[in-house]
N, C-alpha and C. Protein backbone atom coordinates (compact mmCIF):
# COMPACT_ATOMS: atom_id res chain seq x y z
N MET A 1 101.67 94.89 89.99
CA MET A 1 101.55 95.89 88.92
C MET A 1 102.13 97.22 89.40
N LYS A 2 102.50 98.05 88.44
CA LYS A 2 103.15 99.32 88.74
C LYS A 2 102.21 100.49 88.40
N LEU A 3 102.16 101.44 89.32
CA LEU A 3 101.30 102.62 89.17
C LEU A 3 102.15 103.88 89.23
N ALA A 4 101.96 104.79 88.28
CA ALA A 4 102.58 106.12 88.34
C ALA A 4 101.50 107.12 88.72
N VAL A 5 101.78 107.91 89.75
CA VAL A 5 100.85 108.93 90.22
C VAL A 5 101.51 110.30 90.07
N ILE A 6 100.81 111.21 89.43
CA ILE A 6 101.27 112.60 89.30
C ILE A 6 100.33 113.46 90.12
N PRO A 7 100.75 113.93 91.30
CA PRO A 7 99.88 114.74 92.16
C PRO A 7 99.83 116.17 91.66
N ALA A 8 98.65 116.63 91.27
CA ALA A 8 98.53 117.96 90.63
C ALA A 8 97.26 118.65 91.09
N ARG A 9 97.26 119.10 92.32
CA ARG A 9 96.07 119.81 92.79
C ARG A 9 96.00 121.19 92.15
N GLY A 10 94.85 121.81 92.24
CA GLY A 10 94.64 123.06 91.53
C GLY A 10 94.97 124.32 92.30
N GLY A 11 95.42 124.20 93.55
CA GLY A 11 95.54 125.38 94.40
C GLY A 11 96.92 125.96 94.56
N SER A 12 97.73 125.98 93.52
CA SER A 12 99.08 126.55 93.63
C SER A 12 99.00 128.04 93.95
N LYS A 13 99.80 128.48 94.93
CA LYS A 13 99.73 129.87 95.38
C LYS A 13 100.81 130.75 94.75
N ARG A 14 102.08 130.29 94.77
CA ARG A 14 103.17 131.16 94.32
C ARG A 14 103.16 131.36 92.81
N ILE A 15 102.80 130.32 92.06
CA ILE A 15 102.63 130.43 90.61
C ILE A 15 101.25 129.87 90.30
N PRO A 16 100.23 130.73 90.20
CA PRO A 16 98.87 130.22 89.94
C PRO A 16 98.83 129.34 88.70
N GLY A 17 98.16 128.20 88.83
CA GLY A 17 98.06 127.28 87.71
C GLY A 17 99.37 126.64 87.31
N LYS A 18 100.31 126.56 88.27
CA LYS A 18 101.67 126.10 87.96
C LYS A 18 101.71 124.75 87.25
N ASN A 19 100.84 123.85 87.63
CA ASN A 19 100.93 122.48 87.11
C ASN A 19 100.56 122.37 85.63
N ILE A 20 99.86 123.39 85.11
CA ILE A 20 99.48 123.35 83.69
C ILE A 20 99.91 124.62 82.95
N ILE A 21 100.72 125.45 83.61
CA ILE A 21 101.18 126.69 82.98
C ILE A 21 102.03 126.35 81.75
N PRO A 22 101.99 127.17 80.70
CA PRO A 22 102.81 126.88 79.52
C PRO A 22 104.30 126.85 79.87
N PHE A 23 104.97 125.82 79.40
CA PHE A 23 106.41 125.67 79.59
C PHE A 23 107.00 125.24 78.25
N CYS A 24 107.73 126.16 77.63
CA CYS A 24 108.32 125.88 76.30
C CYS A 24 107.28 125.35 75.32
N GLY A 25 106.09 125.96 75.37
CA GLY A 25 105.06 125.66 74.38
C GLY A 25 104.10 124.54 74.72
N ARG A 26 104.26 123.91 75.88
CA ARG A 26 103.37 122.82 76.28
C ARG A 26 102.96 123.01 77.74
N PRO A 27 101.83 122.43 78.16
CA PRO A 27 101.47 122.50 79.58
C PRO A 27 102.56 121.83 80.42
N MET A 28 102.87 122.43 81.56
CA MET A 28 103.93 121.92 82.42
C MET A 28 103.80 120.42 82.67
N ILE A 29 102.59 119.96 82.97
CA ILE A 29 102.38 118.57 83.35
C ILE A 29 102.67 117.59 82.21
N ALA A 30 102.70 118.09 80.98
CA ALA A 30 102.94 117.21 79.83
C ALA A 30 104.29 116.51 79.92
N TYR A 31 105.28 117.18 80.50
CA TYR A 31 106.62 116.61 80.57
C TYR A 31 106.69 115.45 81.56
N ALA A 32 105.98 115.58 82.68
CA ALA A 32 105.92 114.49 83.65
C ALA A 32 105.20 113.28 83.05
N LEU A 33 104.09 113.55 82.38
CA LEU A 33 103.35 112.46 81.73
C LEU A 33 104.22 111.75 80.70
N GLU A 34 104.95 112.52 79.93
CA GLU A 34 105.81 111.94 78.90
C GLU A 34 106.93 111.10 79.51
N ALA A 35 107.51 111.58 80.61
CA ALA A 35 108.62 110.86 81.24
C ALA A 35 108.18 109.49 81.75
N VAL A 36 107.03 109.43 82.41
CA VAL A 36 106.59 108.13 82.95
C VAL A 36 106.07 107.23 81.83
N GLU A 37 105.39 107.80 80.84
CA GLU A 37 104.89 106.97 79.74
C GLU A 37 106.05 106.40 78.93
N SER A 38 107.03 107.23 78.61
CA SER A 38 108.14 106.78 77.77
C SER A 38 109.03 105.76 78.47
N SER A 39 108.97 105.72 79.79
CA SER A 39 109.77 104.73 80.52
C SER A 39 109.31 103.31 80.21
N GLY A 40 108.03 103.16 79.84
CA GLY A 40 107.48 101.84 79.55
C GLY A 40 107.32 100.94 80.77
N LEU A 41 107.35 101.52 81.96
CA LEU A 41 107.35 100.72 83.18
C LEU A 41 105.96 100.50 83.78
N PHE A 42 105.01 101.36 83.46
CA PHE A 42 103.81 101.44 84.28
C PHE A 42 102.56 100.86 83.61
N ASP A 43 101.80 100.14 84.43
CA ASP A 43 100.53 99.58 83.97
C ASP A 43 99.44 100.64 83.96
N LYS A 44 99.60 101.66 84.78
CA LYS A 44 98.60 102.74 84.86
C LYS A 44 99.31 104.04 85.21
N ILE A 45 98.88 105.12 84.56
CA ILE A 45 99.34 106.47 84.89
C ILE A 45 98.13 107.26 85.34
N HIS A 46 98.19 107.80 86.54
CA HIS A 46 97.05 108.51 87.12
C HIS A 46 97.47 109.90 87.57
N VAL A 47 96.75 110.92 87.12
CA VAL A 47 96.95 112.28 87.62
C VAL A 47 95.96 112.49 88.76
N SER A 48 96.50 112.72 89.96
CA SER A 48 95.66 112.93 91.14
C SER A 48 95.39 114.42 91.29
N THR A 49 94.18 114.83 90.94
CA THR A 49 93.83 116.25 90.99
C THR A 49 92.41 116.44 91.48
N ASP A 50 92.19 117.60 92.07
CA ASP A 50 90.84 118.00 92.48
C ASP A 50 90.25 118.98 91.47
N SER A 51 91.01 119.30 90.42
CA SER A 51 90.67 120.38 89.49
C SER A 51 90.08 119.84 88.18
N GLU A 52 88.90 120.33 87.84
CA GLU A 52 88.30 119.98 86.54
C GLU A 52 89.15 120.52 85.40
N GLU A 53 89.74 121.71 85.60
CA GLU A 53 90.57 122.31 84.55
C GLU A 53 91.79 121.44 84.26
N ILE A 54 92.46 120.99 85.32
CA ILE A 54 93.63 120.12 85.12
C ILE A 54 93.21 118.81 84.47
N ARG A 55 92.08 118.26 84.90
CA ARG A 55 91.59 117.02 84.30
C ARG A 55 91.37 117.20 82.80
N ASP A 56 90.82 118.35 82.39
CA ASP A 56 90.56 118.60 80.98
C ASP A 56 91.87 118.71 80.19
N VAL A 57 92.86 119.39 80.77
CA VAL A 57 94.16 119.52 80.11
C VAL A 57 94.79 118.15 79.93
N VAL A 58 94.74 117.35 80.98
CA VAL A 58 95.32 116.00 80.93
C VAL A 58 94.62 115.16 79.87
N SER A 59 93.30 115.30 79.77
CA SER A 59 92.54 114.55 78.77
C SER A 59 92.96 114.94 77.36
N LYS A 60 93.19 116.24 77.14
CA LYS A 60 93.61 116.70 75.82
C LYS A 60 95.01 116.19 75.46
N LEU A 61 95.79 115.87 76.49
CA LEU A 61 97.13 115.32 76.26
C LEU A 61 97.09 113.81 76.01
N GLY A 62 95.88 113.24 76.09
CA GLY A 62 95.73 111.82 75.79
C GLY A 62 95.70 110.89 76.98
N PHE A 63 95.51 111.46 78.18
CA PHE A 63 95.45 110.65 79.39
C PHE A 63 94.13 110.93 80.11
N GLU A 64 93.57 109.90 80.71
CA GLU A 64 92.30 110.06 81.41
C GLU A 64 92.50 110.03 82.92
N VAL A 65 91.81 110.92 83.62
CA VAL A 65 91.80 110.93 85.08
C VAL A 65 90.64 110.05 85.52
N ASP A 66 90.93 108.92 86.11
CA ASP A 66 89.88 107.96 86.44
C ASP A 66 88.94 108.47 87.53
N PHE A 67 89.46 109.30 88.43
CA PHE A 67 88.64 109.87 89.50
C PHE A 67 89.35 111.09 90.05
N LEU A 68 88.56 112.05 90.53
CA LEU A 68 89.11 113.26 91.14
C LEU A 68 89.52 112.98 92.58
N ARG A 69 90.46 113.76 93.06
CA ARG A 69 90.94 113.60 94.43
C ARG A 69 89.90 114.08 95.44
N ASP A 70 89.83 113.40 96.55
CA ASP A 70 89.00 113.83 97.67
C ASP A 70 89.42 115.25 98.07
N PRO A 71 88.49 116.23 98.10
CA PRO A 71 88.84 117.61 98.46
C PRO A 71 89.55 117.72 99.81
N ALA A 72 89.28 116.79 100.72
CA ALA A 72 89.94 116.83 102.03
C ALA A 72 91.44 116.58 101.92
N LEU A 73 91.89 116.04 100.79
CA LEU A 73 93.31 115.78 100.57
C LEU A 73 93.93 116.77 99.59
N ALA A 74 93.24 117.88 99.35
CA ALA A 74 93.71 118.86 98.36
C ALA A 74 93.97 120.22 99.00
N ASP A 75 94.29 120.23 100.31
CA ASP A 75 94.57 121.50 100.98
C ASP A 75 96.07 121.77 100.99
N ASP A 76 96.47 122.83 101.71
CA ASP A 76 97.88 123.22 101.74
C ASP A 76 98.70 122.40 102.73
N PHE A 77 98.07 121.51 103.47
CA PHE A 77 98.75 120.85 104.58
C PHE A 77 98.93 119.35 104.39
N THR A 78 98.19 118.75 103.49
CA THR A 78 98.27 117.30 103.30
C THR A 78 99.53 116.93 102.53
N GLY A 79 100.29 115.98 103.06
CA GLY A 79 101.51 115.54 102.42
C GLY A 79 101.25 114.55 101.30
N LEU A 80 102.32 114.12 100.66
CA LEU A 80 102.20 113.22 99.51
C LEU A 80 101.77 111.81 99.91
N VAL A 81 102.29 111.31 101.02
CA VAL A 81 102.01 109.91 101.38
C VAL A 81 100.52 109.65 101.58
N PRO A 82 99.77 110.51 102.30
CA PRO A 82 98.33 110.26 102.41
C PRO A 82 97.62 110.28 101.05
N VAL A 83 98.07 111.14 100.15
CA VAL A 83 97.47 111.19 98.81
C VAL A 83 97.74 109.89 98.05
N LEU A 84 98.98 109.43 98.07
CA LEU A 84 99.33 108.19 97.39
C LEU A 84 98.57 107.01 97.99
N ARG A 85 98.50 106.97 99.31
CA ARG A 85 97.77 105.89 99.98
C ARG A 85 96.31 105.88 99.55
N TRP A 86 95.70 107.06 99.46
CA TRP A 86 94.29 107.16 99.07
C TRP A 86 94.09 106.69 97.63
N VAL A 87 95.00 107.10 96.74
CA VAL A 87 94.89 106.69 95.33
C VAL A 87 94.98 105.17 95.21
N VAL A 88 95.96 104.58 95.88
CA VAL A 88 96.11 103.12 95.84
C VAL A 88 94.85 102.43 96.36
N ASP A 89 94.29 102.96 97.45
CA ASP A 89 93.08 102.37 98.02
C ASP A 89 91.89 102.51 97.07
N GLU A 90 91.78 103.65 96.39
CA GLU A 90 90.69 103.85 95.44
C GLU A 90 90.77 102.85 94.29
N TYR A 91 91.97 102.62 93.79
CA TYR A 91 92.12 101.64 92.72
C TYR A 91 91.83 100.23 93.22
N ARG A 92 92.22 99.95 94.46
CA ARG A 92 91.93 98.62 95.02
C ARG A 92 90.42 98.38 95.06
N LYS A 93 89.66 99.42 95.43
CA LYS A 93 88.20 99.30 95.45
C LYS A 93 87.64 99.00 94.06
N ARG A 94 88.38 99.44 93.03
CA ARG A 94 87.95 99.22 91.64
C ARG A 94 88.52 97.92 91.06
N GLY A 95 89.13 97.12 91.92
CA GLY A 95 89.65 95.83 91.48
C GLY A 95 91.03 95.88 90.86
N GLN A 96 91.73 97.03 90.99
CA GLN A 96 93.07 97.17 90.44
C GLN A 96 94.05 97.28 91.60
N VAL A 97 94.90 96.28 91.75
CA VAL A 97 95.81 96.21 92.89
C VAL A 97 97.24 96.46 92.40
N TYR A 98 97.88 97.46 92.97
CA TYR A 98 99.24 97.83 92.58
C TYR A 98 100.20 97.56 93.73
N SER A 99 101.37 97.06 93.39
CA SER A 99 102.37 96.74 94.41
C SER A 99 103.50 97.76 94.46
N GLN A 100 103.70 98.51 93.36
CA GLN A 100 104.76 99.50 93.30
C GLN A 100 104.20 100.82 92.77
N VAL A 101 104.67 101.91 93.36
CA VAL A 101 104.14 103.24 93.02
C VAL A 101 105.29 104.20 92.76
N CYS A 102 105.19 104.91 91.65
CA CYS A 102 106.08 106.04 91.36
C CYS A 102 105.28 107.31 91.51
N CYS A 103 105.75 108.21 92.35
CA CYS A 103 105.13 109.53 92.46
C CYS A 103 106.00 110.51 91.68
N MET A 104 105.50 111.00 90.56
CA MET A 104 106.22 111.94 89.70
C MET A 104 105.61 113.32 89.86
N MET A 105 106.42 114.29 90.24
CA MET A 105 105.90 115.64 90.43
C MET A 105 105.56 116.28 89.08
N PRO A 106 104.48 117.06 89.02
CA PRO A 106 104.04 117.63 87.73
C PRO A 106 104.91 118.77 87.23
N ASN A 107 105.71 119.34 88.13
CA ASN A 107 106.53 120.50 87.76
C ASN A 107 108.01 120.13 87.72
N ALA A 108 108.30 119.00 87.06
CA ALA A 108 109.68 118.53 86.92
C ALA A 108 109.98 118.27 85.45
N PRO A 109 109.98 119.32 84.62
CA PRO A 109 110.11 119.12 83.17
C PRO A 109 111.49 118.68 82.71
N LEU A 110 112.48 118.72 83.60
CA LEU A 110 113.83 118.33 83.21
C LEU A 110 114.13 116.86 83.51
N VAL A 111 113.17 116.16 84.10
CA VAL A 111 113.33 114.73 84.33
C VAL A 111 113.16 113.98 83.01
N ARG A 112 114.00 112.99 82.79
CA ARG A 112 113.93 112.19 81.58
C ARG A 112 113.44 110.78 81.91
N SER A 113 112.89 110.13 80.92
CA SER A 113 112.42 108.76 81.15
C SER A 113 113.57 107.86 81.60
N ALA A 114 114.78 108.15 81.12
CA ALA A 114 115.95 107.35 81.52
C ALA A 114 116.20 107.46 83.02
N ASP A 115 115.91 108.62 83.60
CA ASP A 115 116.05 108.77 85.05
C ASP A 115 115.13 107.80 85.78
N VAL A 116 113.90 107.72 85.31
CA VAL A 116 112.91 106.84 85.94
C VAL A 116 113.34 105.38 85.80
N VAL A 117 113.80 105.01 84.61
CA VAL A 117 114.21 103.63 84.37
C VAL A 117 115.40 103.25 85.25
N GLU A 118 116.41 104.13 85.31
CA GLU A 118 117.60 103.83 86.11
C GLU A 118 117.25 103.76 87.59
N ALA A 119 116.39 104.66 88.06
CA ALA A 119 115.99 104.63 89.46
C ALA A 119 115.23 103.35 89.78
N PHE A 120 114.35 102.93 88.86
CA PHE A 120 113.59 101.70 89.09
C PHE A 120 114.51 100.48 89.10
N ASP A 121 115.55 100.50 88.29
CA ASP A 121 116.52 99.40 88.32
C ASP A 121 117.13 99.26 89.72
N THR A 122 117.49 100.40 90.31
CA THR A 122 118.04 100.37 91.67
C THR A 122 117.00 99.89 92.67
N PHE A 123 115.79 100.41 92.55
CA PHE A 123 114.69 100.05 93.44
C PHE A 123 114.45 98.54 93.42
N GLU A 124 114.41 97.96 92.23
CA GLU A 124 114.11 96.54 92.11
C GLU A 124 115.32 95.67 92.44
N ARG A 125 116.51 96.22 92.30
CA ARG A 125 117.70 95.46 92.69
C ARG A 125 117.69 95.16 94.19
N PHE A 126 117.06 96.05 94.95
CA PHE A 126 116.90 95.84 96.39
C PHE A 126 115.51 95.28 96.71
N SER A 127 114.86 94.74 95.69
CA SER A 127 113.54 94.09 95.84
C SER A 127 112.48 95.03 96.41
N GLY A 128 112.66 96.34 96.18
CA GLY A 128 111.68 97.30 96.67
C GLY A 128 111.58 97.35 98.18
N LYS A 129 112.62 96.85 98.86
CA LYS A 129 112.56 96.79 100.33
C LYS A 129 112.51 98.17 100.95
N HIS A 130 113.19 99.14 100.32
CA HIS A 130 113.25 100.50 100.85
C HIS A 130 112.67 101.48 99.84
N PRO A 131 112.07 102.58 100.31
CA PRO A 131 111.67 103.65 99.38
C PRO A 131 112.90 104.21 98.67
N LEU A 132 112.67 104.83 97.52
CA LEU A 132 113.76 105.49 96.81
C LEU A 132 113.40 106.95 96.58
N LEU A 133 114.33 107.84 96.93
CA LEU A 133 114.17 109.28 96.69
C LEU A 133 115.28 109.75 95.75
N VAL A 134 115.06 110.91 95.15
CA VAL A 134 116.01 111.47 94.19
C VAL A 134 116.78 112.60 94.87
N TYR A 135 118.09 112.57 94.69
CA TYR A 135 118.97 113.54 95.36
C TYR A 135 119.87 114.23 94.34
N ALA A 136 120.38 115.39 94.75
CA ALA A 136 121.44 116.07 94.00
C ALA A 136 122.54 116.43 94.98
N ARG A 137 123.74 116.59 94.46
CA ARG A 137 124.88 116.86 95.33
C ARG A 137 125.00 118.36 95.61
N TYR A 138 125.24 118.69 96.87
CA TYR A 138 125.51 120.09 97.20
C TYR A 138 126.76 120.54 96.45
N PRO A 139 126.75 121.77 95.91
CA PRO A 139 127.91 122.22 95.13
C PRO A 139 129.13 122.53 95.98
N VAL A 140 128.92 122.79 97.27
CA VAL A 140 130.03 123.04 98.20
C VAL A 140 129.79 122.21 99.46
N PRO A 141 130.81 121.98 100.27
CA PRO A 141 130.61 121.21 101.49
C PRO A 141 129.60 121.87 102.42
N VAL A 142 128.70 121.06 102.99
CA VAL A 142 127.71 121.62 103.92
C VAL A 142 128.39 122.13 105.18
N GLU A 143 129.60 121.63 105.46
CA GLU A 143 130.34 122.09 106.65
C GLU A 143 130.75 123.55 106.53
N TRP A 144 130.68 124.09 105.32
CA TRP A 144 131.03 125.49 105.13
C TRP A 144 129.82 126.42 105.27
N ALA A 145 128.72 125.90 105.74
CA ALA A 145 127.49 126.70 105.83
C ALA A 145 127.59 127.77 106.93
N PHE A 146 126.83 128.84 106.71
CA PHE A 146 126.70 129.91 107.69
C PHE A 146 125.22 130.14 107.98
N ARG A 147 124.93 130.69 109.16
CA ARG A 147 123.58 131.14 109.48
C ARG A 147 123.61 132.66 109.63
N ARG A 148 122.56 133.30 109.14
CA ARG A 148 122.48 134.77 109.13
C ARG A 148 121.41 135.22 110.11
N ASP A 149 121.75 136.14 111.01
CA ASP A 149 120.76 136.62 111.97
C ASP A 149 120.03 137.84 111.42
N GLU A 150 119.09 138.36 112.22
CA GLU A 150 118.26 139.47 111.75
C GLU A 150 119.05 140.74 111.48
N ALA A 151 120.21 140.87 112.11
CA ALA A 151 121.05 142.05 111.90
C ALA A 151 121.97 141.89 110.69
N GLY A 152 121.93 140.72 110.07
CA GLY A 152 122.77 140.48 108.91
C GLY A 152 124.13 139.89 109.23
N MET A 153 124.35 139.54 110.50
CA MET A 153 125.63 138.96 110.90
C MET A 153 125.62 137.45 110.62
N MET A 154 126.75 136.96 110.15
CA MET A 154 126.89 135.55 109.82
C MET A 154 127.66 134.80 110.90
N THR A 155 127.20 133.57 111.18
CA THR A 155 127.88 132.69 112.12
C THR A 155 128.11 131.34 111.45
N ALA A 156 129.33 130.86 111.48
CA ALA A 156 129.64 129.58 110.86
C ALA A 156 128.97 128.45 111.63
N VAL A 157 128.38 127.52 110.90
CA VAL A 157 127.76 126.35 111.53
C VAL A 157 128.83 125.45 112.13
N SER A 158 129.94 125.31 111.43
CA SER A 158 131.05 124.46 111.90
C SER A 158 132.36 125.21 111.66
N PRO A 159 132.72 126.13 112.58
CA PRO A 159 133.89 127.00 112.35
C PRO A 159 135.17 126.24 112.01
N ASP A 160 135.42 125.12 112.69
CA ASP A 160 136.66 124.39 112.44
C ASP A 160 136.72 123.84 111.01
N SER A 161 135.56 123.55 110.44
CA SER A 161 135.53 122.96 109.10
C SER A 161 135.89 123.96 108.01
N LEU A 162 135.83 125.25 108.33
CA LEU A 162 136.16 126.26 107.32
C LEU A 162 137.63 126.21 106.92
N LEU A 163 138.44 125.57 107.75
CA LEU A 163 139.87 125.48 107.47
C LEU A 163 140.24 124.19 106.73
N ILE A 164 139.23 123.36 106.47
CA ILE A 164 139.47 122.07 105.80
C ILE A 164 139.21 122.21 104.30
N ARG A 165 140.08 121.65 103.49
CA ARG A 165 139.91 121.70 102.04
C ARG A 165 138.67 120.91 101.63
N SER A 166 138.02 121.36 100.56
CA SER A 166 136.80 120.69 100.12
C SER A 166 137.04 119.23 99.78
N GLN A 167 138.21 118.92 99.19
CA GLN A 167 138.48 117.53 98.81
C GLN A 167 138.69 116.62 100.02
N ASP A 168 138.85 117.21 101.19
CA ASP A 168 139.01 116.41 102.40
C ASP A 168 137.70 116.24 103.17
N LEU A 169 136.63 116.77 102.63
CA LEU A 169 135.31 116.63 103.26
C LEU A 169 134.43 115.74 102.39
N ALA A 170 133.57 114.99 103.04
CA ALA A 170 132.69 114.06 102.31
C ALA A 170 131.63 114.83 101.53
N HIS A 171 131.22 114.27 100.39
CA HIS A 171 130.13 114.87 99.63
C HIS A 171 128.84 114.77 100.43
N ALA A 172 128.00 115.78 100.30
CA ALA A 172 126.68 115.78 100.94
C ALA A 172 125.62 115.99 99.86
N TYR A 173 124.43 115.50 100.13
CA TYR A 173 123.35 115.50 99.13
C TYR A 173 122.06 116.04 99.74
N TYR A 174 121.22 116.59 98.88
CA TYR A 174 119.89 117.03 99.33
C TYR A 174 118.83 116.36 98.46
N GLU A 175 117.67 116.14 99.04
CA GLU A 175 116.57 115.52 98.32
C GLU A 175 115.93 116.59 97.43
N CYS A 176 116.01 116.39 96.11
CA CYS A 176 115.53 117.43 95.19
C CYS A 176 114.11 117.18 94.71
N GLY A 177 113.58 115.98 94.91
CA GLY A 177 112.15 115.76 94.86
C GLY A 177 111.39 115.63 93.56
N PRO A 178 112.01 115.39 92.38
CA PRO A 178 111.18 115.30 91.17
C PRO A 178 110.31 114.05 91.12
N PHE A 179 110.80 112.95 91.72
CA PHE A 179 109.97 111.74 91.80
C PHE A 179 110.49 110.85 92.92
N ASN A 180 109.69 109.88 93.32
CA ASN A 180 110.08 108.92 94.34
C ASN A 180 109.37 107.60 94.08
N LEU A 181 109.92 106.53 94.62
CA LEU A 181 109.42 105.18 94.36
C LEU A 181 109.09 104.47 95.67
N TRP A 182 107.98 103.71 95.66
CA TRP A 182 107.49 103.07 96.88
C TRP A 182 106.91 101.70 96.57
N ARG A 183 106.95 100.82 97.54
CA ARG A 183 106.05 99.68 97.56
C ARG A 183 104.80 100.13 98.31
N THR A 184 103.66 99.54 97.99
CA THR A 184 102.42 100.02 98.60
C THR A 184 102.43 99.83 100.11
N GLU A 185 103.14 98.83 100.61
CA GLU A 185 103.19 98.67 102.07
C GLU A 185 103.94 99.80 102.76
N HIS A 186 104.89 100.44 102.04
CA HIS A 186 105.54 101.63 102.61
C HIS A 186 104.51 102.70 102.92
N LEU A 187 103.53 102.84 102.03
CA LEU A 187 102.56 103.93 102.13
C LEU A 187 101.57 103.72 103.27
N GLN A 188 101.54 102.53 103.84
CA GLN A 188 100.65 102.28 104.97
C GLN A 188 101.26 102.74 106.29
N GLN A 189 102.54 103.10 106.27
CA GLN A 189 103.22 103.56 107.48
C GLN A 189 102.98 105.05 107.69
N ASP A 190 102.97 105.47 108.96
CA ASP A 190 102.79 106.90 109.26
C ASP A 190 103.96 107.71 108.71
N ASN A 191 105.17 107.21 108.86
CA ASN A 191 106.35 107.88 108.32
C ASN A 191 107.26 106.82 107.70
N PRO A 192 107.12 106.58 106.41
CA PRO A 192 107.90 105.52 105.76
C PRO A 192 109.36 105.86 105.54
N LEU A 193 109.79 107.06 105.94
CA LEU A 193 111.16 107.49 105.69
C LEU A 193 112.03 107.45 106.95
N THR A 194 111.59 106.75 107.97
CA THR A 194 112.37 106.70 109.21
C THR A 194 113.53 105.71 109.13
N GLY A 195 113.46 104.76 108.21
CA GLY A 195 114.53 103.78 108.06
C GLY A 195 115.45 104.11 106.91
N LYS A 196 116.04 103.08 106.32
CA LYS A 196 116.95 103.28 105.19
C LYS A 196 116.17 103.69 103.94
N VAL A 197 116.79 104.56 103.14
CA VAL A 197 116.16 105.06 101.91
C VAL A 197 117.16 104.93 100.77
N LEU A 198 116.72 104.35 99.66
CA LEU A 198 117.57 104.24 98.48
C LEU A 198 117.69 105.59 97.79
N SER A 199 118.71 105.72 96.94
CA SER A 199 118.95 107.00 96.28
C SER A 199 119.15 106.84 94.78
N TYR A 200 118.68 107.86 94.06
CA TYR A 200 119.06 108.07 92.66
C TYR A 200 119.61 109.48 92.59
N ILE A 201 120.81 109.63 92.03
CA ILE A 201 121.46 110.94 92.00
C ILE A 201 121.16 111.63 90.68
N MET A 202 120.50 112.77 90.79
CA MET A 202 120.16 113.59 89.62
C MET A 202 121.28 114.60 89.39
N PRO A 203 121.70 114.81 88.14
CA PRO A 203 122.68 115.87 87.88
C PRO A 203 122.18 117.20 88.42
N THR A 204 123.04 117.93 89.09
CA THR A 204 122.64 119.16 89.77
C THR A 204 121.97 120.15 88.83
N GLU A 205 122.44 120.21 87.58
CA GLU A 205 121.88 121.19 86.65
C GLU A 205 120.43 120.89 86.28
N ARG A 206 119.98 119.65 86.51
CA ARG A 206 118.58 119.32 86.22
C ARG A 206 117.73 119.20 87.49
N ALA A 207 118.34 119.41 88.63
CA ALA A 207 117.63 119.28 89.91
C ALA A 207 117.02 120.62 90.31
N ILE A 208 116.03 121.06 89.56
CA ILE A 208 115.43 122.38 89.77
C ILE A 208 114.03 122.22 90.34
N ASP A 209 113.78 122.87 91.44
CA ASP A 209 112.46 122.89 92.06
C ASP A 209 111.77 124.18 91.63
N ILE A 210 110.72 124.09 90.84
CA ILE A 210 110.06 125.28 90.30
C ILE A 210 108.99 125.76 91.27
N ASP A 211 109.33 126.79 92.02
CA ASP A 211 108.41 127.35 93.01
C ASP A 211 108.09 128.82 92.78
N THR A 212 108.95 129.52 92.02
CA THR A 212 108.78 130.96 91.81
C THR A 212 108.85 131.26 90.32
N PRO A 213 108.39 132.45 89.90
CA PRO A 213 108.53 132.83 88.49
C PRO A 213 109.98 132.82 88.01
N ASP A 214 110.92 133.18 88.89
CA ASP A 214 112.34 133.13 88.52
C ASP A 214 112.79 131.70 88.26
N ASP A 215 112.34 130.76 89.11
CA ASP A 215 112.65 129.34 88.88
C ASP A 215 112.12 128.90 87.51
N LEU A 216 110.91 129.32 87.21
CA LEU A 216 110.27 128.94 85.95
C LEU A 216 111.06 129.46 84.75
N ALA A 217 111.44 130.74 84.81
CA ALA A 217 112.19 131.33 83.70
C ALA A 217 113.54 130.65 83.52
N TYR A 218 114.20 130.35 84.63
CA TYR A 218 115.51 129.69 84.56
C TYR A 218 115.37 128.28 83.98
N ALA A 219 114.35 127.55 84.42
CA ALA A 219 114.14 126.19 83.92
C ALA A 219 113.85 126.19 82.43
N GLU A 220 113.09 127.17 81.95
CA GLU A 220 112.81 127.25 80.51
C GLU A 220 114.08 127.52 79.72
N ARG A 221 114.91 128.43 80.21
CA ARG A 221 116.17 128.72 79.51
C ARG A 221 117.04 127.47 79.46
N LEU A 222 117.10 126.77 80.58
CA LEU A 222 117.94 125.57 80.64
C LEU A 222 117.38 124.47 79.73
N TYR A 223 116.06 124.32 79.71
CA TYR A 223 115.44 123.29 78.86
C TYR A 223 115.77 123.56 77.39
N ARG A 224 115.65 124.82 76.97
CA ARG A 224 115.93 125.16 75.57
C ARG A 224 117.40 124.92 75.24
N LEU A 225 118.27 125.27 76.18
CA LEU A 225 119.70 125.06 75.97
C LEU A 225 120.02 123.58 75.83
N MET A 226 119.42 122.76 76.69
CA MET A 226 119.65 121.32 76.63
C MET A 226 119.09 120.73 75.34
N ALA A 227 117.99 121.28 74.85
CA ALA A 227 117.38 120.77 73.62
C ALA A 227 118.25 121.05 72.40
N GLU A 228 119.09 122.07 72.50
CA GLU A 228 119.96 122.45 71.38
C GLU A 228 121.23 121.63 71.32
N THR A 229 121.55 120.94 72.41
CA THR A 229 122.83 120.21 72.47
C THR A 229 122.64 118.72 72.26
């Protein structure tokens, strides 16, 4: 069976209440819930939260939180894998055993259900042997990067590469993080990303990580623009 988990703890620092803040007229988390539900892939959708407020918002959106997250897993230091592992184990105790897990971030309103479906097609084509992460392409070659010191001076990371045309350099990608796919056995490993990892490429214009008020404002403008086209 397939499980979608949306990790949404209540302790956001940079944007208080980020996971349920209004975004184009709806709570932020509504878009993640809609994306996984509309995909039609999942036997269960679970919002993993320690917050009664978030649970109430999720309930009003038509989804039930079966259990609250262990407070020990809701601090600033716990990563996603321990949370996913705990959720899977909690469901197993309740007699619900899941073999595949999608972790959908609550602050990814530009993700579409088609993204989830296409990524899952890739995941299952490889029989779920490897985890799948979502990437976007760097807009310029990473070989053209510079590092800036405290005095404001720049040093090229790869000086010789600055003389190479962009079309002669390989494309590079970064993990943009709106969702990821796992088999439950991946989650039992201390670091399941040490081996090969499958990829789904997200269009760069939708690969927005909302961490600041400026990110939020930009994402809202882009969402409205996309809705008009």
